[in-house]
Amino acid sequence: MDYTKDNTNGIEGRGFTIEELKLAGIRRKEAKSIGIAVDARRRSKSEEGQKINVERLQEYKNRLVVFPKKAGVSKKGDSTVCQFFSPYSTSPNQ
């Protein structure tokens, strides 16, 4: 019988490295707060893999929508209603 390890599946890993987060411009604490898994023990072995992961992080950050915790108080990085509704669509309050 021929036994082989089943390690050919495309598992993405347990999180992004701190170096990948730095290259993408995301702080470690910010990453955890917006739902990005961080693995401090993992090391990037290849330049190609690191580049792909940085691109994934930047793409995720561009698509990310962050709402303020309190209705009237917004902080840096929070989204506004204007970014989601065009002048021709109905507003969320109507």
C-alpha atoms as a PDB file:
ATOM      1  CA  MET A   1       0.000   0.000   0.000  1.00  0.00           C
ATOM      2  CA  ASP A   2       1.097   3.487  -0.737  1.00  0.00           C
ATOM      3  CA  TYR A   3       0.515   5.991   2.024  1.00  0.00           C
ATOM      4  CA  THR A   4       0.882   9.695   1.372  1.00  0.00           C
ATOM      5  CA  LYS A   5       0.432  12.681   3.576  1.00  0.00           C
ATOM      6  CA  ASP A   6      -2.629  14.745   2.880  1.00  0.00           C
ATOM      7  CA  ASN A   7      -0.821  18.073   2.918  1.00  0.00           C
ATOM      8  CA  THR A   8      -1.617  19.206  -0.583  1.00  0.00           C
ATOM      9  CA  ASN A   9      -4.856  20.980   0.307  1.00  0.00           C
ATOM     10  CA  GLY A  10      -4.818  24.764   0.137  1.00  0.00           C
ATOM     11  CA  ILE A  11      -5.034  25.702   3.791  1.00  0.00           C
ATOM     12  CA  GLU A  12      -4.643  29.441   4.162  1.00  0.00           C
ATOM     13  CA  GLY A  13      -3.014  29.333   7.603  1.00  0.00           C
ATOM     14  CA  ARG A  14      -3.870  30.669  11.041  1.00  0.00           C
ATOM     15  CA  GLY A  15      -3.213  34.309  10.420  1.00  0.00           C
ATOM     16  CA  PHE A  16      -1.050  36.931   8.806  1.00  0.00           C
ATOM     17  CA  THR A  17       2.484  37.658   9.944  1.00  0.00           C
ATOM     18  CA  ILE A  18       3.341  40.932  11.630  1.00  0.00           C
ATOM     19  CA  GLU A  19       5.652  41.763   8.717  1.00  0.00           C
ATOM     20  CA  GLU A  20       2.785  41.322   6.231  1.00  0.00           C
ATOM     21  CA  LEU A  21       0.608  43.629   8.316  1.00  0.00           C
ATOM     22  CA  LYS A  22       3.368  46.266   8.383  1.00  0.00           C
ATOM     23  CA  LEU A  23       3.785  46.108   4.613  1.00  0.00           C
ATOM     24  CA  ALA A  24       0.025  46.498   4.155  1.00  0.00           C
ATOM     25  CA  GLY A  25      -0.044  49.507   6.501  1.00  0.00           C
ATOM     26  CA  ILE A  26      -2.180  47.888   9.203  1.00  0.00           C
ATOM     27  CA  ARG A  27      -1.281  47.992  12.887  1.00  0.00           C
ATOM     28  CA  ARG A  28      -1.471  44.755  14.870  1.00  0.00           C
ATOM     29  CA  LYS A  29      -4.125  46.042  17.280  1.00  0.00           C
ATOM     30  CA  GLU A  30      -6.176  47.480  14.420  1.00  0.00           C
ATOM     31  CA  ALA A  31      -6.014  44.146  12.585  1.00  0.00           C
ATOM     32  CA  LYS A  32      -7.470  42.270  15.532  1.00  0.00           C
ATOM     33  CA  SER A  33     -10.257  44.844  15.932  1.00  0.00           C
ATOM     34  CA  ILE A  34     -11.381  44.570  12.283  1.00  0.00           C
ATOM     35  CA  GLY A  35     -11.322  40.779  12.172  1.00  0.00           C
ATOM     36  CA  ILE A  36      -7.928  39.965  10.667  1.00  0.00           C
ATOM     37  CA  ALA A  37      -6.223  36.971  12.264  1.00  0.00           C
ATOM     38  CA  VAL A  38      -2.657  37.643  13.418  1.00  0.00           C
ATOM     39  CA  ASP A  39      -0.136  34.859  13.986  1.00  0.00           C
ATOM     40  CA  ALA A  40       2.946  36.258  15.712  1.00  0.00           C
ATOM     41  CA  ARG A  41       4.811  32.931  15.512  1.00  0.00           C
ATOM     42  CA  ARG A  42       4.469  32.446  11.768  1.00  0.00           C
ATOM     43  CA  ARG A  43       7.301  33.545   9.463  1.00  0.00           C
ATOM     44  CA  SER A  44       7.081  34.278   5.752  1.00  0.00           C
ATOM     45  CA  LYS A  45       9.326  31.836   3.936  1.00  0.00           C
ATOM     46  CA  SER A  46       8.850  33.046   0.374  1.00  0.00           C
ATOM     47  CA  GLU A  47       8.760  36.513  -1.096  1.00  0.00           C
ATOM     48  CA  GLU A  48       5.930  35.508  -3.463  1.00  0.00           C
ATOM     49  CA  GLY A  49       3.666  34.319  -0.655  1.00  0.00           C
ATOM     50  CA  GLN A  50       4.318  37.454   1.342  1.00  0.00           C
ATOM     51  CA  LYS A  51       3.487  39.627  -1.658  1.00  0.00           C
ATOM     52  CA  ILE A  52       0.224  37.756  -2.249  1.00  0.00           C
ATOM     53  CA  ASN A  53      -0.795  38.092   1.402  1.00  0.00           C
ATOM     54  CA  VAL A  54      -0.015  41.827   1.442  1.00  0.00           C
ATOM     55  CA  GLU A  55      -2.187  42.276  -1.653  1.00  0.00           C
ATOM     56  CA  ARG A  56      -5.003  40.318   0.041  1.00  0.00           C
ATOM     57  CA  LEU A  57      -4.756  42.525   3.125  1.00  0.00           C
ATOM     58  CA  GLN A  58      -4.813  45.737   1.075  1.00  0.00           C
ATOM     59  CA  GLU A  59      -7.792  44.519  -0.941  1.00  0.00           C
ATOM     60  CA  TYR A  60      -9.648  43.592   2.253  1.00  0.00           C
ATOM     61  CA  LYS A  61      -8.891  46.963   3.819  1.00  0.00           C
ATOM     62  CA  ASN A  62     -10.182  48.793   0.726  1.00  0.00           C
ATOM     63  CA  ARG A  63     -13.483  46.881   0.825  1.00  0.00           C
ATOM     64  CA  LEU A  64     -13.868  47.181   4.587  1.00  0.00           C
ATOM     65  CA  VAL A  65     -16.724  49.253   5.991  1.00  0.00           C
ATOM     66  CA  VAL A  66     -16.274  50.470   9.576  1.00  0.00           C
ATOM     67  CA  PHE A  67     -19.225  52.064  11.326  1.00  0.00           C
ATOM     68  CA  PRO A  68     -18.799  54.336  14.354  1.00  0.00           C
ATOM     69  CA  LYS A  69     -19.659  52.838  17.743  1.00  0.00           C
ATOM     70  CA  LYS A  70     -21.729  55.861  18.767  1.00  0.00           C
ATOM     71  CA  ALA A  71     -24.179  57.488  16.380  1.00  0.00           C
ATOM     72  CA  GLY A  72     -22.900  61.059  16.539  1.00  0.00           C
ATOM     73  CA  VAL A  73     -19.214  60.443  17.224  1.00  0.00           C
ATOM     74  CA  SER A  74     -16.954  59.302  14.393  1.00  0.00           C
ATOM     75  CA  LYS A  75     -13.253  58.587  14.539  1.00  0.00           C
ATOM     76  CA  LYS A  76     -10.527  58.412  11.941  1.00  0.00           C
ATOM     77  CA  GLY A  77     -11.199  55.529   9.575  1.00  0.00           C
ATOM     78  CA  ASP A  78     -14.950  55.339  10.194  1.00  0.00           C
ATOM     79  CA  SER A  79     -17.242  55.341   7.177  1.00  0.00           C
ATOM     80  CA  THR A  80     -19.939  57.900   6.518  1.00  0.00           C
ATOM     81  CA  VAL A  81     -23.425  57.522   5.064  1.00  0.00           C
ATOM     82  CA  CYS A  82     -22.365  59.531   1.996  1.00  0.00           C
ATOM     83  CA  GLN A  83     -19.984  56.771   0.940  1.00  0.00           C
ATOM     84  CA  PHE A  84     -22.812  54.243   0.590  1.00  0.00           C
ATOM     85  CA  PHE A  85     -25.725  56.160  -0.901  1.00  0.00           C
ATOM     86  CA  SER A  86     -25.710  58.060  -4.152  1.00  0.00           C
ATOM     87  CA  PRO A  87     -27.771  61.264  -4.407  1.00  0.00           C
ATOM     88  CA  TYR A  88     -30.328  59.398  -6.535  1.00  0.00           C
ATOM     89  CA  SER A  89     -30.989  56.547  -4.122  1.00  0.00           C
ATOM     90  CA  THR A  90     -33.181  56.657  -1.069  1.00  0.00           C
ATOM     91  CA  SER A  91     -31.503  57.492   2.210  1.00  0.00           C
ATOM     92  CA  PRO A  92     -31.580  54.962   5.040  1.00  0.00           C
ATOM     93  CA  ASN A  93     -33.756  57.246   7.183  1.00  0.00           C
ATOM     94  CA  GLN A  94     -36.681  57.389   4.743  1.00  0.00           C
END
